[in-house]
C-alpha cells in the first residue's frame, strides 16, 4: 500500500499537472531518454539568452509537451508503471531496491513501437 500523502497510479490525459512524486520518479529514466533533445535545447537556450523567465518559454513548452506525451504513452505499460510507483513508495524511493519493477517497466517500454 502507498504511504499516506502519496498517491500512485496511472495518469490520464488531464493528469499532467497533478503528477505525483512517485509517478515522476517511476517515469524519470524514460522521460530522460525520450525528452533529452528538447531538454538540451532548453538548456542551450538558457545559456545563450539568460535566466529571464520568458527568454526560453517556447523551448520550455517543448520540454513540458514531451513529458506530457511520454506520460500518456506510459499508459500502454500502466501495470508496470503503477507497480514501480508502489515499489518506490514502499522502499522509500531507494532505486536500488526496485530493480525488478524498473526492469519490467523498461522492457515494456522498449517493446513498444515508436509513436
N, C-alpha and C. Protein backbone atom coordinates (compact mmCIF):
# COMPACT_ATOMS: atom_id res chain seq x y z
N UNK A 1 0.83 -1.19 0.00
CA UNK A 1 0.00 0.00 0.00
C UNK A 1 0.87 1.24 0.00
N UNK A 2 0.37 2.27 -0.66
CA UNK A 2 1.10 3.53 -0.71
C UNK A 2 1.06 4.19 0.66
N UNK A 3 2.09 4.89 0.98
CA UNK A 3 2.14 5.61 2.25
C UNK A 3 1.22 6.80 2.22
N UNK A 4 0.80 7.24 3.38
CA UNK A 4 -0.11 8.38 3.47
C UNK A 4 0.49 9.60 2.80
N UNK A 5 -0.35 10.29 2.04
CA UNK A 5 0.09 11.53 1.41
C UNK A 5 0.68 11.35 0.03
N UNK A 6 0.91 10.14 -0.38
CA UNK A 6 1.48 9.89 -1.70
C UNK A 6 0.52 9.04 -2.50
N UNK A 7 0.10 9.57 -3.63
CA UNK A 7 -0.82 8.84 -4.49
C UNK A 7 -0.02 8.20 -5.59
N UNK A 8 -0.37 6.99 -5.97
CA UNK A 8 0.25 6.33 -7.09
C UNK A 8 -0.85 5.96 -8.07
N UNK A 9 -0.46 5.67 -9.29
CA UNK A 9 -1.44 5.22 -10.26
C UNK A 9 -1.07 5.62 -11.66
N UNK A 10 -1.93 5.23 -12.56
CA UNK A 10 -1.77 5.60 -13.96
C UNK A 10 -2.16 7.07 -14.11
N UNK A 11 -1.78 7.65 -15.22
CA UNK A 11 -2.04 9.07 -15.45
C UNK A 11 -2.90 9.21 -16.69
N UNK A 12 -4.05 9.85 -16.53
CA UNK A 12 -4.92 10.11 -17.67
C UNK A 12 -4.52 11.38 -18.39
N UNK A 13 -5.22 11.70 -19.46
CA UNK A 13 -4.91 12.88 -20.27
C UNK A 13 -4.93 14.18 -19.46
N UNK A 14 -5.80 14.30 -18.51
CA UNK A 14 -5.91 15.55 -17.75
C UNK A 14 -4.96 15.57 -16.56
N UNK A 15 -4.18 14.51 -16.36
CA UNK A 15 -3.40 14.38 -15.14
C UNK A 15 -2.02 14.97 -15.14
N UNK A 16 -1.57 15.61 -16.19
CA UNK A 16 -0.21 16.11 -16.25
C UNK A 16 0.11 17.08 -15.13
N UNK A 17 -0.78 17.98 -14.81
CA UNK A 17 -0.48 18.99 -13.79
C UNK A 17 -0.54 18.41 -12.38
N UNK A 18 -0.98 17.20 -12.25
CA UNK A 18 -1.13 16.59 -10.93
C UNK A 18 -0.26 15.36 -10.77
N UNK A 19 0.87 15.33 -11.44
CA UNK A 19 1.76 14.18 -11.31
C UNK A 19 2.33 14.12 -9.90
N UNK A 20 2.38 12.92 -9.38
CA UNK A 20 2.91 12.73 -8.04
C UNK A 20 4.41 12.49 -8.11
N UNK A 21 5.04 12.58 -6.95
CA UNK A 21 6.45 12.27 -6.84
C UNK A 21 6.72 10.85 -7.34
N UNK A 22 5.86 9.92 -6.96
CA UNK A 22 6.04 8.52 -7.37
C UNK A 22 5.93 8.37 -8.88
N UNK A 23 4.98 9.05 -9.50
CA UNK A 23 4.81 8.96 -10.95
C UNK A 23 6.03 9.54 -11.67
N UNK A 24 6.49 10.69 -11.23
CA UNK A 24 7.66 11.31 -11.88
C UNK A 24 8.91 10.48 -11.68
N UNK A 25 9.09 9.96 -10.48
CA UNK A 25 10.28 9.14 -10.21
C UNK A 25 10.24 7.84 -11.02
N UNK A 26 9.07 7.22 -11.12
CA UNK A 26 8.95 5.98 -11.88
C UNK A 26 9.21 6.21 -13.37
N UNK A 27 8.83 7.37 -13.87
CA UNK A 27 8.99 7.68 -15.29
C UNK A 27 10.31 8.36 -15.61
N UNK A 28 11.11 8.69 -14.62
CA UNK A 28 12.28 9.55 -14.80
C UNK A 28 13.25 9.05 -15.88
N UNK A 29 13.61 7.79 -15.86
CA UNK A 29 14.58 7.29 -16.85
C UNK A 29 14.02 7.37 -18.26
N UNK A 30 12.75 7.06 -18.40
CA UNK A 30 12.12 7.10 -19.72
C UNK A 30 11.99 8.54 -20.19
N UNK A 31 11.56 9.43 -19.31
CA UNK A 31 11.46 10.85 -19.67
C UNK A 31 12.83 11.39 -20.05
N UNK A 32 13.84 11.04 -19.27
CA UNK A 32 15.19 11.50 -19.55
C UNK A 32 15.66 11.10 -20.93
N UNK A 33 15.34 9.90 -21.33
CA UNK A 33 15.75 9.41 -22.65
C UNK A 33 14.89 10.02 -23.75
N UNK A 34 13.58 10.01 -23.56
CA UNK A 34 12.67 10.46 -24.61
C UNK A 34 12.72 11.97 -24.83
N UNK A 35 13.02 12.72 -23.79
CA UNK A 35 12.96 14.18 -23.87
C UNK A 35 14.34 14.83 -23.85
N UNK A 36 15.37 14.05 -24.09
CA UNK A 36 16.73 14.59 -23.99
C UNK A 36 16.99 15.71 -24.99
N UNK A 37 16.48 15.59 -26.21
CA UNK A 37 16.75 16.62 -27.22
C UNK A 37 16.06 17.94 -26.89
N UNK A 38 14.80 17.87 -26.49
CA UNK A 38 14.10 19.11 -26.15
C UNK A 38 14.67 19.71 -24.87
N UNK A 39 15.08 18.88 -23.92
CA UNK A 39 15.69 19.38 -22.70
C UNK A 39 17.04 20.05 -22.99
N UNK A 40 17.83 19.45 -23.85
CA UNK A 40 19.11 20.03 -24.23
C UNK A 40 18.91 21.37 -24.95
N UNK A 41 17.90 21.45 -25.80
CA UNK A 41 17.60 22.70 -26.49
C UNK A 41 17.23 23.79 -25.49
N UNK A 42 16.48 23.43 -24.44
CA UNK A 42 16.12 24.39 -23.40
C UNK A 42 17.37 24.88 -22.66
N UNK A 43 18.26 23.93 -22.29
CA UNK A 43 19.50 24.32 -21.60
C UNK A 43 20.36 25.23 -22.47
N UNK A 44 20.46 24.90 -23.75
CA UNK A 44 21.24 25.74 -24.66
C UNK A 44 20.64 27.13 -24.77
N UNK A 45 19.33 27.21 -24.87
CA UNK A 45 18.64 28.49 -24.93
C UNK A 45 18.95 29.31 -23.68
N UNK A 46 18.84 28.68 -22.51
CA UNK A 46 19.09 29.38 -21.25
C UNK A 46 20.54 29.88 -21.19
N UNK A 47 21.47 29.10 -21.73
CA UNK A 47 22.87 29.53 -21.67
C UNK A 47 23.14 30.71 -22.59
N UNK A 48 22.36 30.84 -23.66
CA UNK A 48 22.54 31.94 -24.61
C UNK A 48 21.71 33.15 -24.20
N UNK A 49 20.45 32.92 -23.83
CA UNK A 49 19.52 34.03 -23.59
C UNK A 49 19.38 34.42 -22.13
N UNK A 50 19.95 33.66 -21.23
CA UNK A 50 19.90 34.02 -19.83
C UNK A 50 18.70 33.46 -19.09
N UNK A 51 18.54 33.92 -17.87
CA UNK A 51 17.55 33.34 -16.97
C UNK A 51 16.21 34.05 -16.92
N UNK A 52 15.99 35.01 -17.77
CA UNK A 52 14.69 35.68 -17.76
C UNK A 52 13.61 34.65 -18.06
N UNK A 53 12.54 34.61 -17.28
CA UNK A 53 11.51 33.57 -17.42
C UNK A 53 10.94 33.42 -18.83
N UNK A 54 10.80 34.51 -19.57
CA UNK A 54 10.20 34.40 -20.90
C UNK A 54 11.22 34.15 -22.01
N UNK A 55 12.50 34.21 -21.67
CA UNK A 55 13.54 34.09 -22.69
C UNK A 55 13.46 32.76 -23.47
N UNK A 56 13.14 31.71 -22.79
CA UNK A 56 13.12 30.40 -23.42
C UNK A 56 11.79 29.69 -23.20
N UNK A 57 10.72 30.46 -23.19
CA UNK A 57 9.40 29.90 -22.93
C UNK A 57 9.01 28.84 -23.96
N UNK A 58 9.32 29.08 -25.22
CA UNK A 58 8.96 28.11 -26.26
C UNK A 58 9.71 26.80 -26.06
N UNK A 59 10.99 26.88 -25.75
CA UNK A 59 11.79 25.67 -25.52
C UNK A 59 11.29 24.95 -24.27
N UNK A 60 10.92 25.70 -23.24
CA UNK A 60 10.37 25.09 -22.03
C UNK A 60 9.05 24.40 -22.29
N UNK A 61 8.23 25.02 -23.14
CA UNK A 61 6.95 24.41 -23.51
C UNK A 61 7.16 23.10 -24.24
N UNK A 62 8.21 23.02 -25.06
CA UNK A 62 8.53 21.78 -25.77
C UNK A 62 8.91 20.67 -24.80
N UNK A 63 9.67 21.02 -23.76
CA UNK A 63 10.04 20.03 -22.75
C UNK A 63 8.77 19.51 -22.06
N UNK A 64 7.89 20.42 -21.65
CA UNK A 64 6.65 20.01 -20.98
C UNK A 64 5.77 19.15 -21.89
N UNK A 65 5.70 19.52 -23.16
CA UNK A 65 4.92 18.73 -24.11
C UNK A 65 5.50 17.33 -24.26
N UNK A 66 6.82 17.24 -24.33
CA UNK A 66 7.47 15.94 -24.43
C UNK A 66 7.17 15.08 -23.20
N UNK A 67 7.29 15.66 -22.03
CA UNK A 67 7.00 14.93 -20.80
C UNK A 67 5.54 14.45 -20.80
N UNK A 68 4.64 15.34 -21.18
CA UNK A 68 3.21 15.00 -21.23
C UNK A 68 2.96 13.83 -22.18
N UNK A 69 3.51 13.91 -23.36
CA UNK A 69 3.33 12.82 -24.34
C UNK A 69 3.93 11.51 -23.83
N UNK A 70 5.08 11.59 -23.20
CA UNK A 70 5.72 10.39 -22.68
C UNK A 70 4.86 9.76 -21.58
N UNK A 71 4.36 10.57 -20.68
CA UNK A 71 3.50 10.06 -19.61
C UNK A 71 2.24 9.43 -20.21
N UNK A 72 1.64 10.06 -21.21
CA UNK A 72 0.46 9.48 -21.86
C UNK A 72 0.79 8.14 -22.49
N UNK A 73 1.94 8.04 -23.15
CA UNK A 73 2.34 6.78 -23.78
C UNK A 73 2.62 5.70 -22.76
N UNK A 74 2.96 6.08 -21.53
CA UNK A 74 3.21 5.09 -20.48
C UNK A 74 1.94 4.33 -20.11
N UNK A 75 0.78 4.82 -20.51
CA UNK A 75 -0.47 4.11 -20.25
C UNK A 75 -0.44 2.69 -20.82
N UNK A 76 0.29 2.50 -21.92
CA UNK A 76 0.41 1.17 -22.52
C UNK A 76 1.05 0.19 -21.53
N UNK A 77 1.92 0.71 -20.69
CA UNK A 77 2.63 -0.10 -19.70
C UNK A 77 2.13 0.19 -18.29
N UNK A 78 0.86 0.54 -18.17
CA UNK A 78 0.34 1.03 -16.88
C UNK A 78 0.51 0.04 -15.74
N UNK A 79 0.38 -1.24 -15.99
CA UNK A 79 0.55 -2.23 -14.92
C UNK A 79 1.96 -2.13 -14.33
N UNK A 80 2.95 -2.07 -15.20
CA UNK A 80 4.35 -1.99 -14.75
C UNK A 80 4.65 -0.61 -14.16
N UNK A 81 4.06 0.44 -14.75
CA UNK A 81 4.26 1.80 -14.28
C UNK A 81 3.74 1.95 -12.84
N UNK A 82 2.55 1.46 -12.59
CA UNK A 82 1.96 1.54 -11.25
C UNK A 82 2.74 0.66 -10.27
N UNK A 83 3.17 -0.53 -10.72
CA UNK A 83 3.94 -1.41 -9.84
C UNK A 83 5.25 -0.75 -9.41
N UNK A 84 5.91 -0.05 -10.32
CA UNK A 84 7.15 0.63 -9.97
C UNK A 84 6.88 1.79 -9.01
N UNK A 85 5.82 2.53 -9.23
CA UNK A 85 5.46 3.62 -8.32
C UNK A 85 5.26 3.09 -6.90
N UNK A 86 4.50 2.03 -6.80
CA UNK A 86 4.22 1.46 -5.48
C UNK A 86 5.48 0.93 -4.81
N UNK A 87 6.33 0.29 -5.61
CA UNK A 87 7.59 -0.24 -5.06
C UNK A 87 8.50 0.89 -4.60
N UNK A 88 8.59 1.95 -5.39
CA UNK A 88 9.40 3.10 -4.99
C UNK A 88 8.88 3.70 -3.69
N UNK A 89 7.59 3.88 -3.61
CA UNK A 89 6.99 4.45 -2.41
C UNK A 89 7.26 3.55 -1.20
N UNK A 90 7.04 2.27 -1.37
CA UNK A 90 7.22 1.31 -0.28
C UNK A 90 8.68 1.27 0.18
N UNK A 91 9.62 1.41 -0.76
CA UNK A 91 11.05 1.32 -0.45
C UNK A 91 11.67 2.68 -0.15
N UNK A 92 10.87 3.68 0.09
CA UNK A 92 11.40 5.00 0.43
C UNK A 92 12.17 5.64 -0.71
N UNK A 93 11.75 5.34 -1.95
CA UNK A 93 12.34 5.90 -3.17
C UNK A 93 13.82 5.51 -3.34
N UNK A 94 14.19 4.36 -2.79
CA UNK A 94 15.54 3.84 -2.99
C UNK A 94 15.53 2.97 -4.23
N UNK A 95 16.08 3.50 -5.32
CA UNK A 95 16.05 2.78 -6.61
C UNK A 95 16.75 1.43 -6.55
N UNK A 96 17.75 1.31 -5.71
CA UNK A 96 18.48 0.04 -5.63
C UNK A 96 17.60 -1.10 -5.13
N UNK A 97 16.44 -0.77 -4.58
CA UNK A 97 15.53 -1.79 -4.05
C UNK A 97 14.42 -2.18 -5.02
N UNK A 98 14.37 -1.56 -6.20
CA UNK A 98 13.24 -1.78 -7.10
C UNK A 98 13.67 -2.18 -8.52
N UNK A 99 14.80 -2.86 -8.61
CA UNK A 99 15.33 -3.23 -9.92
C UNK A 99 14.36 -4.09 -10.74
N UNK A 100 13.70 -5.03 -10.09
CA UNK A 100 12.79 -5.94 -10.80
C UNK A 100 11.64 -5.15 -11.44
N UNK A 101 11.02 -4.28 -10.67
CA UNK A 101 9.90 -3.49 -11.18
C UNK A 101 10.35 -2.50 -12.26
N UNK A 102 11.52 -1.91 -12.05
CA UNK A 102 12.04 -0.97 -13.03
C UNK A 102 12.37 -1.68 -14.35
N UNK A 103 12.96 -2.85 -14.27
CA UNK A 103 13.31 -3.62 -15.47
C UNK A 103 12.04 -4.00 -16.22
N UNK A 104 10.99 -4.39 -15.51
CA UNK A 104 9.72 -4.76 -16.16
C UNK A 104 9.14 -3.56 -16.92
N UNK A 105 9.18 -2.37 -16.32
CA UNK A 105 8.67 -1.17 -17.00
C UNK A 105 9.52 -0.84 -18.22
N UNK A 106 10.83 -0.88 -18.07
CA UNK A 106 11.71 -0.56 -19.20
C UNK A 106 11.56 -1.58 -20.33
N UNK A 107 11.41 -2.85 -19.98
CA UNK A 107 11.21 -3.87 -21.01
C UNK A 107 9.91 -3.64 -21.77
N UNK A 108 8.85 -3.29 -21.04
CA UNK A 108 7.57 -2.99 -21.68
C UNK A 108 7.72 -1.78 -22.60
N UNK A 109 8.34 -0.72 -22.10
CA UNK A 109 8.54 0.50 -22.89
C UNK A 109 9.35 0.20 -24.15
N UNK A 110 10.44 -0.52 -23.99
CA UNK A 110 11.31 -0.81 -25.13
C UNK A 110 10.65 -1.72 -26.16
N UNK A 111 9.65 -2.48 -25.74
CA UNK A 111 8.94 -3.37 -26.67
C UNK A 111 7.92 -2.62 -27.52
N UNK A 112 7.56 -1.40 -27.08
CA UNK A 112 6.58 -0.61 -27.83
C UNK A 112 7.21 -0.10 -29.12
N UNK A 113 6.38 0.04 -30.12
CA UNK A 113 6.89 0.65 -31.34
C UNK A 113 6.91 2.16 -31.14
N UNK A 114 7.80 2.87 -31.85
CA UNK A 114 7.86 4.33 -31.70
C UNK A 114 6.53 4.98 -32.05
N UNK A 115 6.28 6.19 -31.48
CA UNK A 115 4.98 6.85 -31.73
C UNK A 115 4.81 7.24 -33.17
